[in-house]
Amino acid sequence: MVWHTTSYPPYPPLPISVDIGEFLYCLRSALDNLVCALVRKGKPGSSCSKRGFPIFDNCDRYDEAITDLLKGIPPSAKTLIQGLQPYQRGEIDKERDLLWILNLLRNKD
């Protein structure tokens, strides 16, 4: 069997790159909006400033950040969010975690 090789550009075309970046941004923003909705569920007039969905590969950094990021959300939601963190997957699998990949790609965009 003969394999044909084709030369592909190292990056996707700009319009596709922009669309992918926008999709990742919206996906990440949806998680932050979820945290905001949880904050406002308890106190409808609350500001969501400095709050957002944490994504960490290190439990110490997570613990430091949640004081501000998850301020005002119910404890049960905090427990659920902590269970979703990439560091919960262990050293080998945390880099394959979908939240971690989303965070990396959105940050690179």
Foldseek 3Di string as FASTA:
>chain_A
DDDDDDDDDPDDPPVVVVVVLVVLVVVQVVQQVVLVVQQCVVPVVDDQPQEGQDEDLDVVVVVVRCVRHNPRGDPVVVVVSVCLHLVVVPDPCSCVRPVNVSVVVNVVD
